[in-house]
């Protein structure tokens, strides 16, 4: 059995890979593999010319983040661990993945982990200095130093609450159990990946790693952040933060995730409150004359209700598999209330 497969899922990311793939190859302990989601640019030709040693898996269609990874990893049964790594991640720490591997080797209860994720746009690395610059960088929105959920399904991180991102001053450098590890650099045990069923392909993109990790947690597995390993993420390479398509996927998939994973006793109340919060968010978009995102929220809720009945058997199966009802990394608070009413802008200020 081989040890670690670092799989970069690519779609029309030739320029991104040309820029960041060398850092992954130079600094990784595992095997680097590119899975291509039916790109229409010169990605495959570029890989064959510039990176002939990199193994490629060529998919016949764009299956999105979730479907693309499911199909790619199914072709890699010989590996003990998988790393799902975004194409816009730069690695500046030698054997960054070995740090994660060593932890997982001695913690069989742990199904997945992530490195500390820093913002490539705000870091101190230069092309001449390919070493971790230390503290003074900023956390990256998509995962920071490990992810959590509030009572109503809103994600937040050690180092990022809603739109406020903290500077990394070493305040979250301890290894910590989390609810979800970022999909930008998700390290997962292959056996747990297969047992969980992998990513939910109907999500297509966004929230799928949170859904996966929540399922793993309720199955009794641990998820951790290991900040002794660091990765730098550019972010927004596929859809920027204000894109209505991204808004649609985030809202719809978040509702699907809640419906799948919430304990039965919480389901009605949480979904009722979320409906109110979603409509508030929609009219906030409208107040800013952002008609595209206003419509995206309503479209997301309609799509959720259309899909809900098909998820009933999935929800039933997950409830039967559940080994723990209470997941401590899902906080019994509203992060929206904490942020706007109590002024909580940093993770270590949360009043829990």
C-alpha atoms as a PDB file:
ATOM      1  CA  UNK A   1       0.000   0.000   0.000  1.00  0.00           C
ATOM      2  CA  UNK A   2       1.247   3.483  -0.888  1.00  0.00           C
ATOM      3  CA  UNK A   3       1.111   6.206   1.759  1.00  0.00           C
ATOM      4  CA  UNK A   4      -0.189   9.627   0.632  1.00  0.00           C
ATOM      5  CA  UNK A   5      -1.876  10.784  -2.586  1.00  0.00           C
ATOM      6  CA  UNK A   6      -1.993  14.577  -2.918  1.00  0.00           C
ATOM      7  CA  UNK A   7      -4.761  15.091  -5.451  1.00  0.00           C
ATOM      8  CA  UNK A   8      -5.261  18.464  -7.115  1.00  0.00           C
ATOM      9  CA  UNK A   9      -8.614  18.724  -8.884  1.00  0.00           C
ATOM     10  CA  UNK A  10      -8.259  21.013 -11.871  1.00  0.00           C
ATOM     11  CA  UNK A  11     -10.695  22.728 -14.171  1.00  0.00           C
ATOM     12  CA  UNK A  12      -9.237  25.219 -16.639  1.00  0.00           C
ATOM     13  CA  UNK A  13      -6.492  26.051 -14.161  1.00  0.00           C
ATOM     14  CA  UNK A  14      -3.441  25.819 -16.378  1.00  0.00           C
ATOM     15  CA  UNK A  15      -2.028  29.166 -15.295  1.00  0.00           C
ATOM     16  CA  UNK A  16      -2.722  28.446 -11.636  1.00  0.00           C
ATOM     17  CA  UNK A  17      -0.971  25.090 -11.737  1.00  0.00           C
ATOM     18  CA  UNK A  18       2.005  26.467 -13.632  1.00  0.00           C
ATOM     19  CA  UNK A  19       2.403  28.996 -10.828  1.00  0.00           C
ATOM     20  CA  UNK A  20       1.782  26.883  -7.709  1.00  0.00           C
ATOM     21  CA  UNK A  21       2.318  23.231  -8.631  1.00  0.00           C
ATOM     22  CA  UNK A  22       6.140  23.501  -8.398  1.00  0.00           C
ATOM     23  CA  UNK A  23       5.910  24.459  -4.720  1.00  0.00           C
ATOM     24  CA  UNK A  24       3.705  21.437  -4.011  1.00  0.00           C
ATOM     25  CA  UNK A  25       6.065  19.081  -5.820  1.00  0.00           C
ATOM     26  CA  UNK A  26       9.175  20.487  -4.141  1.00  0.00           C
ATOM     27  CA  UNK A  27       7.830  20.423  -0.599  1.00  0.00           C
ATOM     28  CA  UNK A  28       5.577  17.368  -0.401  1.00  0.00           C
ATOM     29  CA  UNK A  29       6.277  13.939   1.019  1.00  0.00           C
ATOM     30  CA  UNK A  30       3.360  12.282  -0.796  1.00  0.00           C
ATOM     31  CA  UNK A  31       2.705  11.542  -4.470  1.00  0.00           C
ATOM     32  CA  UNK A  32       1.324  14.534  -6.386  1.00  0.00           C
ATOM     33  CA  UNK A  33      -1.534  13.696  -8.760  1.00  0.00           C
ATOM     34  CA  UNK A  34      -3.697  16.006 -10.890  1.00  0.00           C
ATOM     35  CA  UNK A  35      -7.291  15.017 -11.647  1.00  0.00           C
ATOM     36  CA  UNK A  36      -8.693  17.034 -14.537  1.00  0.00           C
ATOM     37  CA  UNK A  37     -12.415  17.857 -14.638  1.00  0.00           C
ATOM     38  CA  UNK A  38     -12.681  17.973 -18.472  1.00  0.00           C
ATOM     39  CA  UNK A  39     -10.777  21.242 -18.852  1.00  0.00           C
ATOM     40  CA  UNK A  40     -11.142  23.148 -22.114  1.00  0.00           C
ATOM     41  CA  UNK A  41      -7.901  25.113 -21.723  1.00  0.00           C
ATOM     42  CA  UNK A  42      -4.376  23.738 -22.253  1.00  0.00           C
ATOM     43  CA  UNK A  43      -4.131  22.142 -18.788  1.00  0.00           C
ATOM     44  CA  UNK A  44      -3.397  18.592 -19.964  1.00  0.00           C
ATOM     45  CA  UNK A  45      -0.916  19.671 -22.627  1.00  0.00           C
ATOM     46  CA  UNK A  46       0.804  21.963 -20.124  1.00  0.00           C
ATOM     47  CA  UNK A  47       1.121  19.168 -17.557  1.00  0.00           C
ATOM     48  CA  UNK A  48       2.572  16.760 -20.109  1.00  0.00           C
ATOM     49  CA  UNK A  49       5.083  19.364 -21.277  1.00  0.00           C
ATOM     50  CA  UNK A  50       6.050  21.142 -18.053  1.00  0.00           C
ATOM     51  CA  UNK A  51       5.358  18.453 -15.422  1.00  0.00           C
ATOM     52  CA  UNK A  52       5.801  15.072 -17.138  1.00  0.00           C
ATOM     53  CA  UNK A  53       6.430  13.281 -13.815  1.00  0.00           C
ATOM     54  CA  UNK A  54       3.003  14.231 -12.429  1.00  0.00           C
ATOM     55  CA  UNK A  55       0.398  11.499 -12.743  1.00  0.00           C
ATOM     56  CA  UNK A  56      -2.851  12.668 -14.286  1.00  0.00           C
ATOM     57  CA  UNK A  57      -6.388  11.333 -14.026  1.00  0.00           C
ATOM     58  CA  UNK A  58      -8.526  12.643 -16.879  1.00  0.00           C
ATOM     59  CA  UNK A  59     -12.279  12.756 -16.225  1.00  0.00           C
ATOM     60  CA  UNK A  60     -14.784  12.824 -19.086  1.00  0.00           C
ATOM     61  CA  UNK A  61     -16.899  15.714 -17.774  1.00  0.00           C
ATOM     62  CA  UNK A  62     -16.871  18.549 -15.231  1.00  0.00           C
ATOM     63  CA  UNK A  63     -18.295  16.801 -12.181  1.00  0.00           C
ATOM     64  CA  UNK A  64     -17.698  19.726  -9.837  1.00  0.00           C
ATOM     65  CA  UNK A  65     -15.583  19.597  -6.706  1.00  0.00           C
ATOM     66  CA  UNK A  66     -17.546  16.797  -5.061  1.00  0.00           C
ATOM     67  CA  UNK A  67     -18.088  14.495  -8.024  1.00  0.00           C
ATOM     68  CA  UNK A  68     -14.632  15.138  -9.417  1.00  0.00           C
ATOM     69  CA  UNK A  69     -12.914  14.079  -6.217  1.00  0.00           C
ATOM     70  CA  UNK A  70     -15.173  11.062  -5.725  1.00  0.00           C
ATOM     71  CA  UNK A  71     -14.367   9.774  -9.199  1.00  0.00           C
ATOM     72  CA  UNK A  72     -10.665  10.569  -8.967  1.00  0.00           C
ATOM     73  CA  UNK A  73     -10.084   9.001  -5.547  1.00  0.00           C
ATOM     74  CA  UNK A  74     -11.971   5.872  -6.606  1.00  0.00           C
ATOM     75  CA  UNK A  75      -9.061   5.312  -8.996  1.00  0.00           C
ATOM     76  CA  UNK A  76      -6.519   5.441  -6.155  1.00  0.00           C
ATOM     77  CA  UNK A  77      -7.398   2.482  -3.894  1.00  0.00           C
ATOM     78  CA  UNK A  78      -3.740   1.740  -3.167  1.00  0.00           C
ATOM     79  CA  UNK A  79      -3.240   4.788  -0.920  1.00  0.00           C
ATOM     80  CA  UNK A  80      -3.651   4.972   2.861  1.00  0.00           C
ATOM     81  CA  UNK A  81      -4.313   8.726   2.922  1.00  0.00           C
ATOM     82  CA  UNK A  82      -5.711  11.292   0.507  1.00  0.00           C
ATOM     83  CA  UNK A  83      -5.047  15.023   0.418  1.00  0.00           C
ATOM     84  CA  UNK A  84      -7.612  17.122  -1.426  1.00  0.00           C
ATOM     85  CA  UNK A  85      -5.569  20.174  -2.396  1.00  0.00           C
ATOM     86  CA  UNK A  86      -6.761  23.236  -4.310  1.00  0.00           C
ATOM     87  CA  UNK A  87      -4.772  24.286  -7.353  1.00  0.00           C
ATOM     88  CA  UNK A  88      -4.320  27.787  -5.881  1.00  0.00           C
ATOM     89  CA  UNK A  89      -2.407  26.580  -2.811  1.00  0.00           C
ATOM     90  CA  UNK A  90       1.262  27.358  -2.403  1.00  0.00           C
ATOM     91  CA  UNK A  91       3.398  25.221  -0.114  1.00  0.00           C
ATOM     92  CA  UNK A  92       6.438  26.773   1.545  1.00  0.00           C
ATOM     93  CA  UNK A  93       7.167  24.189   4.254  1.00  0.00           C
ATOM     94  CA  UNK A  94       9.222  21.117   3.477  1.00  0.00           C
ATOM     95  CA  UNK A  95       7.295  17.875   4.098  1.00  0.00           C
ATOM     96  CA  UNK A  96       4.254  19.793   5.280  1.00  0.00           C
ATOM     97  CA  UNK A  97       2.138  16.686   4.618  1.00  0.00           C
ATOM     98  CA  UNK A  98       4.526  14.439   6.576  1.00  0.00           C
ATOM     99  CA  UNK A  99       3.591  16.417   9.707  1.00  0.00           C
ATOM    100  CA  UNK A 100      -0.057  15.505   9.096  1.00  0.00           C
ATOM    101  CA  UNK A 101       0.783  11.910   8.188  1.00  0.00           C
ATOM    102  CA  UNK A 102       2.781  11.376  11.375  1.00  0.00           C
ATOM    103  CA  UNK A 103      -0.134  12.600  13.495  1.00  0.00           C
ATOM    104  CA  UNK A 104      -2.668  10.420  11.696  1.00  0.00           C
ATOM    105  CA  UNK A 105      -0.430   7.357  11.978  1.00  0.00           C
ATOM    106  CA  UNK A 106      -0.583   7.474  15.771  1.00  0.00           C
ATOM    107  CA  UNK A 107      -4.213   8.651  16.066  1.00  0.00           C
ATOM    108  CA  UNK A 108      -6.397   6.007  14.394  1.00  0.00           C
ATOM    109  CA  UNK A 109      -9.497   7.681  15.860  1.00  0.00           C
ATOM    110  CA  UNK A 110      -8.803  10.707  13.655  1.00  0.00           C
ATOM    111  CA  UNK A 111     -10.444  10.565  10.222  1.00  0.00           C
ATOM    112  CA  UNK A 112      -9.323  13.896   8.796  1.00  0.00           C
ATOM    113  CA  UNK A 113      -7.175  16.925   9.491  1.00  0.00           C
ATOM    114  CA  UNK A 114      -5.930  20.136   7.941  1.00  0.00           C
ATOM    115  CA  UNK A 115      -2.874  22.373   8.138  1.00  0.00           C
ATOM    116  CA  UNK A 116      -3.065  25.977   9.239  1.00  0.00           C
ATOM    117  CA  UNK A 117      -4.331  27.882   6.204  1.00  0.00           C
ATOM    118  CA  UNK A 118      -2.922  31.360   5.590  1.00  0.00           C
ATOM    119  CA  UNK A 119      -3.840  33.993   3.010  1.00  0.00           C
ATOM    120  CA  UNK A 120      -1.418  33.959   0.094  1.00  0.00           C
ATOM    121  CA  UNK A 121      -2.458  37.505  -0.847  1.00  0.00           C
ATOM    122  CA  UNK A 122      -1.407  38.848   2.560  1.00  0.00           C
ATOM    123  CA  UNK A 123       1.670  36.756   3.285  1.00  0.00           C
ATOM    124  CA  UNK A 124       5.334  37.696   3.457  1.00  0.00           C
ATOM    125  CA  UNK A 125       6.606  34.992   1.138  1.00  0.00           C
ATOM    126  CA  UNK A 126       8.511  36.047  -1.963  1.00  0.00           C
ATOM    127  CA  UNK A 127       9.749  34.092  -4.945  1.00  0.00           C
ATOM    128  CA  UNK A 128      13.253  34.314  -3.476  1.00  0.00           C
ATOM    129  CA  UNK A 129      12.175  33.282   0.016  1.00  0.00           C
ATOM    130  CA  UNK A 130      10.481  29.886  -0.165  1.00  0.00           C
ATOM    131  CA  UNK A 131      10.280  29.401   3.581  1.00  0.00           C
ATOM    132  CA  UNK A 132       7.464  29.932   6.021  1.00  0.00           C
ATOM    133  CA  UNK A 133       7.762  33.544   7.082  1.00  0.00           C
ATOM    134  CA  UNK A 134       6.370  32.874  10.552  1.00  0.00           C
ATOM    135  CA  UNK A 135       3.736  34.897  12.351  1.00  0.00           C
ATOM    136  CA  UNK A 136       2.549  38.204  10.932  1.00  0.00           C
ATOM    137  CA  UNK A 137       0.569  36.629   8.104  1.00  0.00           C
ATOM    138  CA  UNK A 138      -3.225  36.550   8.011  1.00  0.00           C
ATOM    139  CA  UNK A 139      -5.463  33.513   8.185  1.00  0.00           C
ATOM    140  CA  UNK A 140      -7.304  32.549   5.023  1.00  0.00           C
ATOM    141  CA  UNK A 141     -11.079  32.740   4.940  1.00  0.00           C
ATOM    142  CA  UNK A 142     -11.697  29.183   3.714  1.00  0.00           C
ATOM    143  CA  UNK A 143     -10.289  27.300   6.703  1.00  0.00           C
ATOM    144  CA  UNK A 144      -7.928  29.351   8.876  1.00  0.00           C
ATOM    145  CA  UNK A 145      -6.941  27.171  11.857  1.00  0.00           C
ATOM    146  CA  UNK A 146      -9.887  24.782  11.771  1.00  0.00           C
ATOM    147  CA  UNK A 147     -13.635  25.071  11.309  1.00  0.00           C
ATOM    148  CA  UNK A 148     -16.741  24.991  13.524  1.00  0.00           C
ATOM    149  CA  UNK A 149     -20.496  25.469  13.102  1.00  0.00           C
ATOM    150  CA  UNK A 150     -22.987  27.455  15.093  1.00  0.00           C
ATOM    151  CA  UNK A 151     -26.443  26.188  16.076  1.00  0.00           C
ATOM    152  CA  UNK A 152     -27.978  27.286  12.772  1.00  0.00           C
ATOM    153  CA  UNK A 153     -25.320  25.940  10.412  1.00  0.00           C
ATOM    154  CA  UNK A 154     -23.150  29.005   9.908  1.00  0.00           C
ATOM    155  CA  UNK A 155     -19.456  28.080   9.573  1.00  0.00           C
ATOM    156  CA  UNK A 156     -16.687  29.949  11.376  1.00  0.00           C
ATOM    157  CA  UNK A 157     -13.046  29.240  12.126  1.00  0.00           C
ATOM    158  CA  UNK A 158     -10.264  29.750  14.581  1.00  0.00           C
ATOM    159  CA  UNK A 159      -9.010  32.906  12.922  1.00  0.00           C
ATOM    160  CA  UNK A 160     -12.109  33.897  10.925  1.00  0.00           C
ATOM    161  CA  UNK A 161     -15.634  34.819  11.994  1.00  0.00           C
ATOM    162  CA  UNK A 162     -18.000  35.760   9.161  1.00  0.00           C
ATOM    163  CA  UNK A 163     -16.076  38.357   7.131  1.00  0.00           C
ATOM    164  CA  UNK A 164     -13.479  39.242   9.773  1.00  0.00           C
ATOM    165  CA  UNK A 165     -10.124  37.498   9.349  1.00  0.00           C
ATOM    166  CA  UNK A 166      -7.474  37.652  12.082  1.00  0.00           C
ATOM    167  CA  UNK A 167      -3.736  38.100  11.856  1.00  0.00           C
ATOM    168  CA  UNK A 168      -1.834  34.954  12.765  1.00  0.00           C
ATOM    169  CA  UNK A 169       0.053  35.726  15.962  1.00  0.00           C
ATOM    170  CA  UNK A 170       0.344  32.133  17.106  1.00  0.00           C
ATOM    171  CA  UNK A 171      -2.891  32.366  19.096  1.00  0.00           C
ATOM    172  CA  UNK A 172      -4.274  29.186  17.507  1.00  0.00           C
ATOM    173  CA  UNK A 173      -1.124  27.096  17.207  1.00  0.00           C
ATOM    174  CA  UNK A 174      -2.352  24.247  19.397  1.00  0.00           C
ATOM    175  CA  UNK A 175      -3.623  21.025  17.830  1.00  0.00           C
ATOM    176  CA  UNK A 176      -7.377  21.233  18.224  1.00  0.00           C
ATOM    177  CA  UNK A 177     -10.425  19.095  17.514  1.00  0.00           C
ATOM    178  CA  UNK A 178     -12.684  20.864  15.021  1.00  0.00           C
ATOM    179  CA  UNK A 179     -15.958  20.091  13.293  1.00  0.00           C
ATOM    180  CA  UNK A 180     -14.636  20.539   9.760  1.00  0.00           C
ATOM    181  CA  UNK A 181     -11.333  20.701   7.953  1.00  0.00           C
ATOM    182  CA  UNK A 182     -10.993  22.958   4.938  1.00  0.00           C
ATOM    183  CA  UNK A 183     -11.556  21.526   1.469  1.00  0.00           C
ATOM    184  CA  UNK A 184      -8.653  23.663   0.238  1.00  0.00           C
ATOM    185  CA  UNK A 185      -6.214  21.270   1.970  1.00  0.00           C
ATOM    186  CA  UNK A 186      -8.184  18.344   3.368  1.00  0.00           C
ATOM    187  CA  UNK A 187      -6.153  15.359   4.610  1.00  0.00           C
ATOM    188  CA  UNK A 188      -8.372  12.298   5.054  1.00  0.00           C
ATOM    189  CA  UNK A 189      -7.869   8.635   5.886  1.00  0.00           C
ATOM    190  CA  UNK A 190      -8.828   6.595   2.814  1.00  0.00           C
ATOM    191  CA  UNK A 191     -10.715   3.936   4.800  1.00  0.00           C
ATOM    192  CA  UNK A 192     -12.850   6.584   6.516  1.00  0.00           C
ATOM    193  CA  UNK A 193     -13.425   8.315   3.188  1.00  0.00           C
ATOM    194  CA  UNK A 194     -14.813   5.102   1.734  1.00  0.00           C
ATOM    195  CA  UNK A 195     -16.867   4.259   4.841  1.00  0.00           C
ATOM    196  CA  UNK A 196     -18.490   7.695   4.810  1.00  0.00           C
ATOM    197  CA  UNK A 197     -19.302   7.531   1.099  1.00  0.00           C
ATOM    198  CA  UNK A 198     -17.081  10.494   0.220  1.00  0.00           C
ATOM    199  CA  UNK A 199     -18.444  13.868  -0.815  1.00  0.00           C
ATOM    200  CA  UNK A 200     -22.090  14.488  -1.668  1.00  0.00           C
ATOM    201  CA  UNK A 201     -21.989  14.872  -5.453  1.00  0.00           C
ATOM    202  CA  UNK A 202     -25.305  16.699  -5.624  1.00  0.00           C
ATOM    203  CA  UNK A 203     -23.700  19.600  -3.779  1.00  0.00           C
ATOM    204  CA  UNK A 204     -21.473  20.070  -6.863  1.00  0.00           C
ATOM    205  CA  UNK A 205     -19.336  22.623  -5.009  1.00  0.00           C
ATOM    206  CA  UNK A 206     -19.279  24.471  -1.650  1.00  0.00           C
ATOM    207  CA  UNK A 207     -20.094  23.086   1.828  1.00  0.00           C
ATOM    208  CA  UNK A 208     -19.334  19.514   0.755  1.00  0.00           C
ATOM    209  CA  UNK A 209     -16.279  19.181   3.003  1.00  0.00           C
ATOM    210  CA  UNK A 210     -18.248  20.464   6.009  1.00  0.00           C
ATOM    211  CA  UNK A 211     -20.981  17.931   5.317  1.00  0.00           C
ATOM    212  CA  UNK A 212     -18.395  15.138   5.022  1.00  0.00           C
ATOM    213  CA  UNK A 213     -16.638  16.082   8.256  1.00  0.00           C
ATOM    214  CA  UNK A 214     -19.920  16.433  10.161  1.00  0.00           C
ATOM    215  CA  UNK A 215     -20.885  12.927   9.026  1.00  0.00           C
ATOM    216  CA  UNK A 216     -17.501  11.602  10.157  1.00  0.00           C
ATOM    217  CA  UNK A 217     -17.875  13.301  13.561  1.00  0.00           C
ATOM    218  CA  UNK A 218     -21.309  11.756  14.175  1.00  0.00           C
ATOM    219  CA  UNK A 219     -19.776   8.389  13.234  1.00  0.00           C
ATOM    220  CA  UNK A 220     -17.483   8.849  16.240  1.00  0.00           C
ATOM    221  CA  UNK A 221     -14.395   9.995  14.330  1.00  0.00           C
ATOM    222  CA  UNK A 222     -12.194  12.952  15.250  1.00  0.00           C
ATOM    223  CA  UNK A 223     -11.301  15.905  12.977  1.00  0.00           C
ATOM    224  CA  UNK A 224      -8.342  18.103  13.892  1.00  0.00           C
ATOM    225  CA  UNK A 225      -6.325  21.095  12.812  1.00  0.00           C
ATOM    226  CA  UNK A 226      -2.550  20.684  13.043  1.00  0.00           C
ATOM    227  CA  UNK A 227      -1.072  24.202  12.823  1.00  0.00           C
ATOM    228  CA  UNK A 228       2.499  22.876  12.853  1.00  0.00           C
ATOM    229  CA  UNK A 229       1.841  22.311   9.145  1.00  0.00           C
ATOM    230  CA  UNK A 230       1.102  25.396   7.044  1.00  0.00           C
ATOM    231  CA  UNK A 231      -0.311  26.044   3.565  1.00  0.00           C
ATOM    232  CA  UNK A 232      -0.949  29.327   1.738  1.00  0.00           C
ATOM    233  CA  UNK A 233      -4.235  29.661  -0.157  1.00  0.00           C
ATOM    234  CA  UNK A 234      -5.041  32.279  -2.777  1.00  0.00           C
ATOM    235  CA  UNK A 235      -8.819  31.751  -2.580  1.00  0.00           C
ATOM    236  CA  UNK A 236     -11.630  32.781  -4.922  1.00  0.00           C
ATOM    237  CA  UNK A 237      -9.971  31.127  -7.902  1.00  0.00           C
ATOM    238  CA  UNK A 238     -13.221  29.604  -9.203  1.00  0.00           C
ATOM    239  CA  UNK A 239     -16.024  31.886  -7.979  1.00  0.00           C
ATOM    240  CA  UNK A 240     -15.469  35.127  -6.116  1.00  0.00           C
ATOM    241  CA  UNK A 241     -17.265  35.894  -2.869  1.00  0.00           C
ATOM    242  CA  UNK A 242     -20.023  38.025  -4.400  1.00  0.00           C
ATOM    243  CA  UNK A 243     -20.912  35.735  -7.287  1.00  0.00           C
ATOM    244  CA  UNK A 244     -24.657  34.810  -7.302  1.00  0.00           C
ATOM    245  CA  UNK A 245     -23.798  31.242  -8.348  1.00  0.00           C
ATOM    246  CA  UNK A 246     -21.627  30.920  -5.250  1.00  0.00           C
ATOM    247  CA  UNK A 247     -24.392  32.423  -3.094  1.00  0.00           C
ATOM    248  CA  UNK A 248     -26.880  29.927  -4.504  1.00  0.00           C
ATOM    249  CA  UNK A 249     -24.623  26.926  -3.851  1.00  0.00           C
ATOM    250  CA  UNK A 250     -23.684  28.056  -0.351  1.00  0.00           C
ATOM    251  CA  UNK A 251     -27.277  28.667   0.769  1.00  0.00           C
ATOM    252  CA  UNK A 252     -28.760  25.556  -0.870  1.00  0.00           C
ATOM    253  CA  UNK A 253     -25.989  23.208   0.221  1.00  0.00           C
ATOM    254  CA  UNK A 254     -26.002  24.547   3.749  1.00  0.00           C
ATOM    255  CA  UNK A 255     -29.718  23.740   4.020  1.00  0.00           C
ATOM    256  CA  UNK A 256     -29.163  20.264   2.584  1.00  0.00           C
ATOM    257  CA  UNK A 257     -26.326  19.691   5.039  1.00  0.00           C
ATOM    258  CA  UNK A 258     -28.499  20.725   7.982  1.00  0.00           C
ATOM    259  CA  UNK A 259     -31.348  18.511   6.856  1.00  0.00           C
ATOM    260  CA  UNK A 260     -29.030  15.522   6.482  1.00  0.00           C
ATOM    261  CA  UNK A 261     -27.142  15.867   9.752  1.00  0.00           C
ATOM    262  CA  UNK A 262     -29.253  17.592  12.407  1.00  0.00           C
ATOM    263  CA  UNK A 263     -30.496  15.500  15.344  1.00  0.00           C
ATOM    264  CA  UNK A 264     -34.242  14.889  15.073  1.00  0.00           C
ATOM    265  CA  UNK A 265     -35.056  16.942  18.169  1.00  0.00           C
ATOM    266  CA  UNK A 266     -33.419  20.053  16.661  1.00  0.00           C
ATOM    267  CA  UNK A 267     -34.579  19.798  13.063  1.00  0.00           C
ATOM    268  CA  UNK A 268     -37.824  21.789  13.145  1.00  0.00           C
ATOM    269  CA  UNK A 269     -36.548  24.692  15.257  1.00  0.00           C
ATOM    270  CA  UNK A 270     -33.257  25.111  13.417  1.00  0.00           C
ATOM    271  CA  UNK A 271     -34.855  25.030   9.964  1.00  0.00           C
ATOM    272  CA  UNK A 272     -37.512  27.534  11.065  1.00  0.00           C
ATOM    273  CA  UNK A 273     -34.917  30.001  12.358  1.00  0.00           C
ATOM    274  CA  UNK A 274     -32.763  29.482   9.265  1.00  0.00           C
ATOM    275  CA  UNK A 275     -35.696  30.425   7.040  1.00  0.00           C
ATOM    276  CA  UNK A 276     -35.981  33.747   8.875  1.00  0.00           C
ATOM    277  CA  UNK A 277     -32.222  34.365   8.696  1.00  0.00           C
ATOM    278  CA  UNK A 278     -32.104  33.500   4.995  1.00  0.00           C
ATOM    279  CA  UNK A 279     -34.868  35.977   4.172  1.00  0.00           C
ATOM    280  CA  UNK A 280     -33.091  38.644   6.228  1.00  0.00           C
ATOM    281  CA  UNK A 281     -29.924  37.974   4.220  1.00  0.00           C
ATOM    282  CA  UNK A 282     -31.844  38.165   0.952  1.00  0.00           C
ATOM    283  CA  UNK A 283     -33.327  41.564   1.757  1.00  0.00           C
ATOM    284  CA  UNK A 284     -29.924  42.813   2.863  1.00  0.00           C
ATOM    285  CA  UNK A 285     -28.738  42.054  -0.659  1.00  0.00           C
ATOM    286  CA  UNK A 286     -31.752  43.898  -2.042  1.00  0.00           C
ATOM    287  CA  UNK A 287     -31.015  46.919   0.164  1.00  0.00           C
ATOM    288  CA  UNK A 288     -27.602  47.067  -1.523  1.00  0.00           C
ATOM    289  CA  UNK A 289     -29.281  46.858  -4.950  1.00  0.00           C
ATOM    290  CA  UNK A 290     -27.684  43.439  -5.440  1.00  0.00           C
ATOM    291  CA  UNK A 291     -30.539  41.817  -7.339  1.00  0.00           C
ATOM    292  CA  UNK A 292     -28.470  38.815  -8.447  1.00  0.00           C
ATOM    293  CA  UNK A 293     -27.676  37.628  -4.936  1.00  0.00           C
ATOM    294  CA  UNK A 294     -31.189  38.531  -3.718  1.00  0.00           C
ATOM    295  CA  UNK A 295     -32.632  36.158  -6.301  1.00  0.00           C
ATOM    296  CA  UNK A 296     -29.949  33.543  -5.570  1.00  0.00           C
ATOM    297  CA  UNK A 297     -31.123  33.141  -1.958  1.00  0.00           C
ATOM    298  CA  UNK A 298     -34.738  32.508  -3.009  1.00  0.00           C
ATOM    299  CA  UNK A 299     -33.576  30.186  -5.791  1.00  0.00           C
ATOM    300  CA  UNK A 300     -31.488  28.250  -3.262  1.00  0.00           C
ATOM    301  CA  UNK A 301     -34.419  27.750  -0.916  1.00  0.00           C
ATOM    302  CA  UNK A 302     -36.674  26.594  -3.774  1.00  0.00           C
ATOM    303  CA  UNK A 303     -34.006  24.156  -4.918  1.00  0.00           C
ATOM    304  CA  UNK A 304     -33.617  22.804  -1.388  1.00  0.00           C
ATOM    305  CA  UNK A 305     -37.340  22.072  -1.072  1.00  0.00           C
ATOM    306  CA  UNK A 306     -37.357  20.346  -4.453  1.00  0.00           C
ATOM    307  CA  UNK A 307     -34.475  18.110  -3.381  1.00  0.00           C
ATOM    308  CA  UNK A 308     -35.587  17.553   0.212  1.00  0.00           C
ATOM    309  CA  UNK A 309     -37.735  14.477  -0.400  1.00  0.00           C
ATOM    310  CA  UNK A 310     -34.875  12.672  -2.136  1.00  0.00           C
ATOM    311  CA  UNK A 311     -32.727  13.209   0.967  1.00  0.00           C
ATOM    312  CA  UNK A 312     -35.196  11.595   3.389  1.00  0.00           C
ATOM    313  CA  UNK A 313     -33.705   8.076   3.038  1.00  0.00           C
ATOM    314  CA  UNK A 314     -30.192   9.526   3.312  1.00  0.00           C
ATOM    315  CA  UNK A 315     -31.125  11.327   6.518  1.00  0.00           C
ATOM    316  CA  UNK A 316     -32.658   8.130   7.913  1.00  0.00           C
ATOM    317  CA  UNK A 317     -29.506   6.158   7.115  1.00  0.00           C
ATOM    318  CA  UNK A 318     -27.245   8.781   8.715  1.00  0.00           C
ATOM    319  CA  UNK A 319     -29.362   8.846  11.870  1.00  0.00           C
ATOM    320  CA  UNK A 320     -29.019   5.066  12.108  1.00  0.00           C
ATOM    321  CA  UNK A 321     -25.228   5.281  11.684  1.00  0.00           C
ATOM    322  CA  UNK A 322     -24.930   8.015  14.314  1.00  0.00           C
ATOM    323  CA  UNK A 323     -22.723   7.040  17.240  1.00  0.00           C
ATOM    324  CA  UNK A 324     -22.883  10.407  18.959  1.00  0.00           C
ATOM    325  CA  UNK A 325     -25.682  12.937  19.060  1.00  0.00           C
ATOM    326  CA  UNK A 326     -23.805  15.817  20.628  1.00  0.00           C
ATOM    327  CA  UNK A 327     -20.903  17.179  18.627  1.00  0.00           C
ATOM    328  CA  UNK A 328     -19.109  19.746  20.839  1.00  0.00           C
ATOM    329  CA  UNK A 329     -17.571  21.543  17.866  1.00  0.00           C
ATOM    330  CA  UNK A 330     -21.062  22.597  16.795  1.00  0.00           C
ATOM    331  CA  UNK A 331     -21.595  25.480  19.195  1.00  0.00           C
ATOM    332  CA  UNK A 332     -24.976  26.044  20.806  1.00  0.00           C
ATOM    333  CA  UNK A 333     -24.929  29.727  19.883  1.00  0.00           C
ATOM    334  CA  UNK A 334     -25.813  32.016  16.999  1.00  0.00           C
ATOM    335  CA  UNK A 335     -22.563  33.339  15.536  1.00  0.00           C
ATOM    336  CA  UNK A 336     -24.642  36.000  13.747  1.00  0.00           C
ATOM    337  CA  UNK A 337     -25.911  37.277  17.121  1.00  0.00           C
ATOM    338  CA  UNK A 338     -22.450  37.096  18.682  1.00  0.00           C
ATOM    339  CA  UNK A 339     -20.910  39.011  15.788  1.00  0.00           C
ATOM    340  CA  UNK A 340     -23.472  41.768  15.271  1.00  0.00           C
ATOM    341  CA  UNK A 341     -25.059  42.159  18.718  1.00  0.00           C
ATOM    342  CA  UNK A 342     -22.112  41.367  21.013  1.00  0.00           C
ATOM    343  CA  UNK A 343     -19.290  42.617  18.817  1.00  0.00           C
ATOM    344  CA  UNK A 344     -17.423  39.295  18.762  1.00  0.00           C
ATOM    345  CA  UNK A 345     -14.938  39.512  15.910  1.00  0.00           C
ATOM    346  CA  UNK A 346     -12.292  36.986  17.022  1.00  0.00           C
ATOM    347  CA  UNK A 347     -12.683  33.308  17.802  1.00  0.00           C
ATOM    348  CA  UNK A 348     -11.193  33.596  21.275  1.00  0.00           C
ATOM    349  CA  UNK A 349     -13.838  36.206  22.161  1.00  0.00           C
ATOM    350  CA  UNK A 350     -16.765  33.843  21.613  1.00  0.00           C
ATOM    351  CA  UNK A 351     -18.972  33.716  24.681  1.00  0.00           C
ATOM    352  CA  UNK A 352     -19.963  30.074  24.798  1.00  0.00           C
END
